[in-house]
PDB file of N, CA and C in Angstrom:
ATOM      1  N   MET A   1       0.838  -1.161   0.000  1.00  0.00           N
ATOM      2  CA  MET A   1       0.000   0.000   0.000  1.00  0.00           C
ATOM      3  C   MET A   1       0.895   1.240   0.000  1.00  0.00           C
ATOM      4  N   ILE A   2       0.524   2.206  -0.806  1.00  0.00           N
ATOM      5  CA  ILE A   2       1.270   3.458  -0.859  1.00  0.00           C
ATOM      6  C   ILE A   2       0.302   4.585  -0.522  1.00  0.00           C
ATOM      7  N   ASP A   3       0.664   5.407   0.443  1.00  0.00           N
ATOM      8  CA  ASP A   3      -0.155   6.550   0.842  1.00  0.00           C
ATOM      9  C   ASP A   3       0.671   7.806   0.588  1.00  0.00           C
ATOM     10  N   PHE A   4       0.484   8.405  -0.577  1.00  0.00           N
ATOM     11  CA  PHE A   4       1.277   9.577  -0.934  1.00  0.00           C
ATOM     12  C   PHE A   4       0.937  10.796  -0.081  1.00  0.00           C
ATOM     13  N   ALA A   5      -0.185  10.781   0.610  1.00  0.00           N
ATOM     14  CA  ALA A   5      -0.526  11.897   1.494  1.00  0.00           C
ATOM     15  C   ALA A   5       0.392  11.933   2.707  1.00  0.00           C
ATOM     16  N   GLN A   6       1.018  10.819   3.036  1.00  0.00           N
ATOM     17  CA  GLN A   6       1.873  10.726   4.212  1.00  0.00           C
ATOM     18  C   GLN A   6       3.363  10.784   3.888  1.00  0.00           C
ATOM     19  N   CYS A   7       3.708  11.058   2.638  1.00  0.00           N
ATOM     20  CA  CYS A   7       5.125  11.057   2.290  1.00  0.00           C
ATOM     21  C   CYS A   7       5.576  12.421   1.773  1.00  0.00           C
ATOM     22  N   VAL A   8       6.860  12.622   1.843  1.00  0.00           N
ATOM     23  CA  VAL A   8       7.481  13.823   1.313  1.00  0.00           C
ATOM     24  C   VAL A   8       8.431  13.381   0.214  1.00  0.00           C
ATOM     25  N   PHE A   9       8.382  14.058  -0.909  1.00  0.00           N
ATOM     26  CA  PHE A   9       9.231  13.684  -2.023  1.00  0.00           C
ATOM     27  C   PHE A   9      10.589  14.356  -1.914  1.00  0.00           C
ATOM     28  N   ARG A  10      11.585  13.705  -2.450  1.00  0.00           N
ATOM     29  CA  ARG A  10      12.963  14.202  -2.406  1.00  0.00           C
ATOM     30  C   ARG A  10      13.064  15.525  -3.159  1.00  0.00           C
ATOM     31  N   LYS A  11      13.748  16.470  -2.538  1.00  0.00           N
ATOM     32  CA  LYS A  11      13.948  17.776  -3.170  1.00  0.00           C
ATOM     33  C   LYS A  11      15.000  17.665  -4.263  1.00  0.00           C
ATOM     34  N   GLU A  12      14.829  18.450  -5.299  1.00  0.00           N
ATOM     35  CA  GLU A  12      15.803  18.469  -6.385  1.00  0.00           C
ATOM     36  C   GLU A  12      17.158  18.900  -5.834  1.00  0.00           C
ATOM     37  N   GLY A  13      18.186  18.139  -6.130  1.00  0.00           N
ATOM     38  CA  GLY A  13      19.528  18.447  -5.692  1.00  0.00           C
ATOM     39  C   GLY A  13      19.873  17.959  -4.286  1.00  0.00           C
ATOM     40  N   GLN A  14      18.933  17.350  -3.588  1.00  0.00           N
ATOM     41  CA  GLN A  14      19.196  16.861  -2.230  1.00  0.00           C
ATOM     42  C   GLN A  14      20.128  15.653  -2.312  1.00  0.00           C
ATOM     43  N   ASP A  15      21.221  15.682  -1.565  1.00  0.00           N
ATOM     44  CA  ASP A  15      22.192  14.590  -1.669  1.00  0.00           C
ATOM     45  C   ASP A  15      21.699  13.322  -0.971  1.00  0.00           C
ATOM     46  N   ASP A  16      22.301  12.200  -1.332  1.00  0.00           N
ATOM     47  CA  ASP A  16      21.876  10.889  -0.832  1.00  0.00           C
ATOM     48  C   ASP A  16      21.956  10.788   0.689  1.00  0.00           C
ATOM     49  N   ASN A  17      22.997  11.328   1.273  1.00  0.00           N
ATOM     50  CA  ASN A  17      23.172  11.234   2.716  1.00  0.00           C
ATOM     51  C   ASN A  17      22.079  12.007   3.457  1.00  0.00           C
ATOM     52  N   ASP A  18      21.803  13.222   3.017  1.00  0.00           N
ATOM     53  CA  ASP A  18      20.766  14.043   3.632  1.00  0.00           C
ATOM     54  C   ASP A  18      19.398  13.383   3.479  1.00  0.00           C
ATOM     55  N   TRP A  19      19.110  12.892   2.290  1.00  0.00           N
ATOM     56  CA  TRP A  19      17.824  12.245   2.023  1.00  0.00           C
ATOM     57  C   TRP A  19      17.682  10.965   2.855  1.00  0.00           C
ATOM     58  N   GLY A  20      18.726  10.164   2.918  1.00  0.00           N
ATOM     59  CA  GLY A  20      18.686   8.928   3.695  1.00  0.00           C
ATOM     60  C   GLY A  20      18.452   9.195   5.167  1.00  0.00           C
ATOM     61  N   TYR A  21      19.132  10.214   5.716  1.00  0.00           N
ATOM     62  CA  TYR A  21      18.946  10.565   7.123  1.00  0.00           C
ATOM     63  C   TYR A  21      17.503  11.006   7.366  1.00  0.00           C
ATOM     64  N   TRP A  22      16.982  11.849   6.491  1.00  0.00           N
ATOM     65  CA  TRP A  22      15.615  12.331   6.650  1.00  0.00           C
ATOM     66  C   TRP A  22      14.627  11.175   6.610  1.00  0.00           C
ATOM     67  N   LYS A  23      14.803  10.259   5.654  1.00  0.00           N
ATOM     68  CA  LYS A  23      13.896   9.103   5.533  1.00  0.00           C
ATOM     69  C   LYS A  23      13.946   8.241   6.786  1.00  0.00           C
ATOM     70  N   ALA A  24      15.141   8.014   7.313  1.00  0.00           N
ATOM     71  CA  ALA A  24      15.284   7.199   8.517  1.00  0.00           C
ATOM     72  C   ALA A  24      14.642   7.902   9.713  1.00  0.00           C
ATOM     73  N   TRP A  25      14.862   9.192   9.856  1.00  0.00           N
ATOM     74  CA  TRP A  25      14.321   9.946  10.980  1.00  0.00           C
ATOM     75  C   TRP A  25      12.801  10.014  10.922  1.00  0.00           C
ATOM     76  N   GLN A  26      12.265  10.253   9.729  1.00  0.00           N
ATOM     77  CA  GLN A  26      10.821  10.382   9.545  1.00  0.00           C
ATOM     78  C   GLN A  26      10.118   9.026   9.681  1.00  0.00           C
ATOM     79  N   ASP A  27      10.712   7.971   9.171  1.00  0.00           N
ATOM     80  CA  ASP A  27      10.174   6.603   9.213  1.00  0.00           C
ATOM     81  C   ASP A  27       8.692   6.540   8.836  1.00  0.00           C
ATOM     82  N   GLU A  28       8.371   7.063   7.666  1.00  0.00           N
ATOM     83  CA  GLU A  28       6.990   7.067   7.183  1.00  0.00           C
ATOM     84  C   GLU A  28       6.422   5.650   7.126  1.00  0.00           C
ATOM     85  N   GLU A  29       7.223   4.730   6.618  1.00  0.00           N
ATOM     86  CA  GLU A  29       6.767   3.347   6.471  1.00  0.00           C
ATOM     87  C   GLU A  29       6.403   2.730   7.822  1.00  0.00           C
ATOM     88  N   GLY A  30       7.285   2.890   8.790  1.00  0.00           N
ATOM     89  CA  GLY A  30       7.035   2.321  10.110  1.00  0.00           C
ATOM     90  C   GLY A  30       5.839   2.961  10.789  1.00  0.00           C
ATOM     91  N   ALA A  31       5.702   4.269  10.635  1.00  0.00           N
ATOM     92  CA  ALA A  31       4.579   4.968  11.246  1.00  0.00           C
ATOM     93  C   ALA A  31       3.251   4.434  10.721  1.00  0.00           C
ATOM     94  N   MET A  32       3.158   4.239   9.439  1.00  0.00           N
ATOM     95  CA  MET A  32       1.922   3.721   8.847  1.00  0.00           C
ATOM     96  C   MET A  32       1.717   2.246   9.199  1.00  0.00           C
ATOM     97  N   GLY A  33       2.772   1.456   9.094  1.00  0.00           N
ATOM     98  CA  GLY A  33       2.658   0.015   9.323  1.00  0.00           C
ATOM     99  C   GLY A  33       2.276  -0.347  10.744  1.00  0.00           C
ATOM    100  N   VAL A  34       2.884   0.300  11.711  1.00  0.00           N
ATOM    101  CA  VAL A  34       2.610  -0.010  13.119  1.00  0.00           C
ATOM    102  C   VAL A  34       1.200   0.426  13.503  1.00  0.00           C
ATOM    103  N   VAL A  35       0.776   1.597  13.038  1.00  0.00           N
ATOM    104  CA  VAL A  35      -0.574   2.067  13.338  1.00  0.00           C
ATOM    105  C   VAL A  35      -1.600   1.129  12.704  1.00  0.00           C
ATOM    106  N   MET A  36      -1.383   0.759  11.437  1.00  0.00           N
ATOM    107  CA  MET A  36      -2.320  -0.132  10.766  1.00  0.00           C
ATOM    108  C   MET A  36      -2.393  -1.478  11.480  1.00  0.00           C
ATOM    109  N   GLU A  37      -1.252  -2.023  11.883  1.00  0.00           N
ATOM    110  CA  GLU A  37      -1.239  -3.299  12.592  1.00  0.00           C
ATOM    111  C   GLU A  37      -2.054  -3.209  13.882  1.00  0.00           C
ATOM    112  N   GLY A  38      -1.830  -2.151  14.645  1.00  0.00           N
ATOM    113  CA  GLY A  38      -2.555  -1.996  15.905  1.00  0.00           C
ATOM    114  C   GLY A  38      -4.058  -1.861  15.716  1.00  0.00           C
ATOM    115  N   LYS A  39      -4.475  -1.054  14.751  1.00  0.00           N
ATOM    116  CA  LYS A  39      -5.906  -0.858  14.509  1.00  0.00           C
ATOM    117  C   LYS A  39      -6.572  -2.141  14.013  1.00  0.00           C
ATOM    118  N   LEU A  40      -5.903  -2.849  13.117  1.00  0.00           N
ATOM    119  CA  LEU A  40      -6.481  -4.094  12.619  1.00  0.00           C
ATOM    120  C   LEU A  40      -6.522  -5.167  13.703  1.00  0.00           C
ATOM    121  N   ARG A  41      -5.531  -5.174  14.572  1.00  0.00           N
ATOM    122  CA  ARG A  41      -5.525  -6.139  15.674  1.00  0.00           C
ATOM    123  C   ARG A  41      -6.732  -5.919  16.584  1.00  0.00           C
ATOM    124  N   LYS A  42      -7.060  -4.652  16.855  1.00  0.00           N
ATOM    125  CA  LYS A  42      -8.216  -4.343  17.697  1.00  0.00           C
ATOM    126  C   LYS A  42      -9.519  -4.815  17.067  1.00  0.00           C
ATOM    127  N   LEU A  43      -9.537  -4.876  15.738  1.00  0.00           N
ATOM    128  CA  LEU A  43     -10.728  -5.337  15.020  1.00  0.00           C
ATOM    129  C   LEU A  43     -10.720  -6.844  14.790  1.00  0.00           C
ATOM    130  N   GLY A  44      -9.760  -7.528  15.367  1.00  0.00           N
ATOM    131  CA  GLY A  44      -9.685  -8.980  15.217  1.00  0.00           C
ATOM    132  C   GLY A  44      -8.883  -9.426  14.004  1.00  0.00           C
ATOM    133  N   GLY A  45      -8.192  -8.495  13.365  1.00  0.00           N
ATOM    134  CA  GLY A  45      -7.395  -8.827  12.181  1.00  0.00           C
ATOM    135  C   GLY A  45      -6.072  -9.462  12.549  1.00  0.00           C
ATOM    136  N   CYS A  46      -5.392  -9.954  11.556  1.00  0.00           N
ATOM    137  CA  CYS A  46      -4.117 -10.630  11.808  1.00  0.00           C
ATOM    138  C   CYS A  46      -2.981 -10.046  10.967  1.00  0.00           C
ATOM    139  N   TYR A  47      -3.068  -8.771  10.613  1.00  0.00           N
ATOM    140  CA  TYR A  47      -2.007  -8.107   9.852  1.00  0.00           C
ATOM    141  C   TYR A  47      -0.770  -7.948  10.723  1.00  0.00           C
ATOM    142  N   HIS A  48       0.394  -8.236  10.147  1.00  0.00           N
ATOM    143  CA  HIS A  48       1.651  -8.060  10.863  1.00  0.00           C
ATOM    144  C   HIS A  48       2.576  -7.203  10.020  1.00  0.00           C
ATOM    145  N   TYR A  49       2.978  -6.052  10.545  1.00  0.00           N
ATOM    146  CA  TYR A  49       3.882  -5.154   9.836  1.00  0.00           C
ATOM    147  C   TYR A  49       5.298  -5.692   9.901  1.00  0.00           C
ATOM    148  N   GLU A  50       5.944  -5.725   8.752  1.00  0.00           N
ATOM    149  CA  GLU A  50       7.364  -6.053   8.684  1.00  0.00           C
ATOM    150  C   GLU A  50       8.066  -4.958   7.911  1.00  0.00           C
ATOM    151  N   ARG A  51       9.106  -4.424   8.522  1.00  0.00           N
ATOM    152  CA  ARG A  51       9.900  -3.365   7.916  1.00  0.00           C
ATOM    153  C   ARG A  51      10.528  -3.864   6.612  1.00  0.00           C
ATOM    154  N   SER A  52      10.486  -3.038   5.566  1.00  0.00           N
ATOM    155  CA  SER A  52      11.111  -3.405   4.290  1.00  0.00           C
ATOM    156  C   SER A  52      12.633  -3.400   4.440  1.00  0.00           C
ATOM    157  N   ALA A  53      13.304  -4.058   3.528  1.00  0.00           N
ATOM    158  CA  ALA A  53      14.767  -4.114   3.566  1.00  0.00           C
ATOM    159  C   ALA A  53      15.372  -2.707   3.479  1.00  0.00           C
ATOM    160  N   GLU A  54      14.802  -1.851   2.647  1.00  0.00           N
ATOM    161  CA  GLU A  54      15.318  -0.483   2.510  1.00  0.00           C
ATOM    162  C   GLU A  54      15.119   0.316   3.798  1.00  0.00           C
ATOM    163  N   SER A  55      13.954   0.212   4.400  1.00  0.00           N
ATOM    164  CA  SER A  55      13.689   0.909   5.653  1.00  0.00           C
ATOM    165  C   SER A  55      14.607   0.396   6.755  1.00  0.00           C
ATOM    166  N   TRP A  56      14.811  -0.905   6.801  1.00  0.00           N
ATOM    167  CA  TRP A  56      15.708  -1.529   7.779  1.00  0.00           C
ATOM    168  C   TRP A  56      17.134  -0.994   7.610  1.00  0.00           C
ATOM    169  N   ARG A  57      17.594  -0.940   6.361  1.00  0.00           N
ATOM    170  CA  ARG A  57      18.947  -0.460   6.064  1.00  0.00           C
ATOM    171  C   ARG A  57      19.121   0.997   6.485  1.00  0.00           C
ATOM    172  N   LEU A  58      18.153   1.853   6.145  1.00  0.00           N
ATOM    173  CA  LEU A  58      18.241   3.269   6.500  1.00  0.00           C
ATOM    174  C   LEU A  58      18.242   3.469   8.010  1.00  0.00           C
ATOM    175  N   ASN A  59      17.389   2.757   8.722  1.00  0.00           N
ATOM    176  CA  ASN A  59      17.335   2.898  10.175  1.00  0.00           C
ATOM    177  C   ASN A  59      18.612   2.413  10.836  1.00  0.00           C
ATOM    178  N   LYS A  60      19.171   1.323  10.371  1.00  0.00           N
ATOM    179  CA  LYS A  60      20.431   0.841  10.930  1.00  0.00           C
ATOM    180  C   LYS A  60      21.556   1.836  10.660  1.00  0.00           C
ATOM    181  N   ARG A  61      21.590   2.388   9.446  1.00  0.00           N
ATOM    182  CA  ARG A  61      22.679   3.288   9.057  1.00  0.00           C
ATOM    183  C   ARG A  61      22.619   4.631   9.771  1.00  0.00           C
ATOM    184  N   PHE A  62      21.443   5.230   9.803  1.00  0.00           N
ATOM    185  CA  PHE A  62      21.332   6.597  10.305  1.00  0.00           C
ATOM    186  C   PHE A  62      20.834   6.711  11.740  1.00  0.00           C
ATOM    187  N   MET A  63      20.069   5.749  12.215  1.00  0.00           N
ATOM    188  CA  MET A  63      19.507   5.834  13.556  1.00  0.00           C
ATOM    189  C   MET A  63      20.163   4.849  14.521  1.00  0.00           C
ATOM    190  N   GLY A  64      20.936   3.887  13.983  1.00  0.00           N
ATOM    191  CA  GLY A  64      21.607   2.915  14.828  1.00  0.00           C
ATOM    192  C   GLY A  64      20.641   2.055  15.614  1.00  0.00           C
ATOM    193  N   GLU A  65      19.454   1.806  15.044  1.00  0.00           N
ATOM    194  CA  GLU A  65      18.433   1.055  15.758  1.00  0.00           C
ATOM    195  C   GLU A  65      18.739  -0.431  15.755  1.00  0.00           C
ATOM    196  N   ASP A  66      18.943  -0.975  16.938  1.00  0.00           N
ATOM    197  CA  ASP A  66      19.150  -2.412  17.102  1.00  0.00           C
ATOM    198  C   ASP A  66      17.946  -3.056  17.781  1.00  0.00           C
ATOM    199  N   SER A  67      16.881  -2.292  17.969  1.00  0.00           N
ATOM    200  CA  SER A  67      15.729  -2.814  18.698  1.00  0.00           C
ATOM    201  C   SER A  67      14.764  -3.592  17.810  1.00  0.00           C
ATOM    202  N   TYR A  68      15.109  -3.772  16.562  1.00  0.00           N
ATOM    203  CA  TYR A  68      14.263  -4.531  15.645  1.00  0.00           C
ATOM    204  C   TYR A  68      14.907  -5.879  15.383  1.00  0.00           C
ATOM    205  N   GLU A  69      14.105  -6.903  15.380  1.00  0.00           N
ATOM    206  CA  GLU A  69      14.616  -8.247  15.128  1.00  0.00           C
ATOM    207  C   GLU A  69      14.184  -8.691  13.734  1.00  0.00           C
ATOM    208  N   ASN A  70      15.142  -9.063  12.911  1.00  0.00           N
ATOM    209  CA  ASN A  70      14.874  -9.566  11.560  1.00  0.00           C
ATOM    210  C   ASN A  70      14.043  -8.610  10.728  1.00  0.00           C
ATOM    211  N   GLY A  71      14.167  -7.307  10.981  1.00  0.00           N
ATOM    212  CA  GLY A  71      13.463  -6.324  10.176  1.00  0.00           C
ATOM    213  C   GLY A  71      12.005  -6.154  10.529  1.00  0.00           C
ATOM    214  N   SER A  72      11.536  -6.767  11.587  1.00  0.00           N
ATOM    215  CA  SER A  72      10.130  -6.611  11.930  1.00  0.00           C
ATOM    216  C   SER A  72      10.028  -5.947  13.293  1.00  0.00           C
ATOM    217  N   GLN A  73       9.064  -5.067  13.409  1.00  0.00           N
ATOM    218  CA  GLN A  73       8.920  -4.303  14.638  1.00  0.00           C
ATOM    219  C   GLN A  73       7.849  -4.937  15.488  1.00  0.00           C
ATOM    220  N   LYS A  74       8.154  -5.190  16.721  1.00  0.00           N
ATOM    221  CA  LYS A  74       7.200  -5.792  17.650  1.00  0.00           C
ATOM    222  C   LYS A  74       6.431  -4.678  18.352  1.00  0.00           C
ATOM    223  N   ILE A  75       5.109  -4.831  18.444  1.00  0.00           N
ATOM    224  CA  ILE A  75       4.330  -3.875  19.203  1.00  0.00           C
ATOM    225  C   ILE A  75       3.500  -4.611  20.238  1.00  0.00           C
ATOM    226  N   GLY A  76       3.116  -3.875  21.300  1.00  0.00           N
ATOM    227  CA  GLY A  76       2.430  -4.380  22.460  1.00  0.00           C
ATOM    228  C   GLY A  76       1.285  -5.254  22.234  1.00  0.00           C
TER     229      GLY A  76
END
């Protein structure tokens, strides 16, 4: 699923390092995935959010996040 209302597009001329840091800090994918998982769980659904390989790579590189196991985020 792609929700363009929740994303920001890369600015012209923005370098890879700056863009990667911004993407990792913003974590649009994780924000949408975790919220959707929680809401569907409350409704009896069985959706499980798993971080994409690109999102996992950006978070490890720029945020140093080791709290994720195998690219999937655990929620309460």
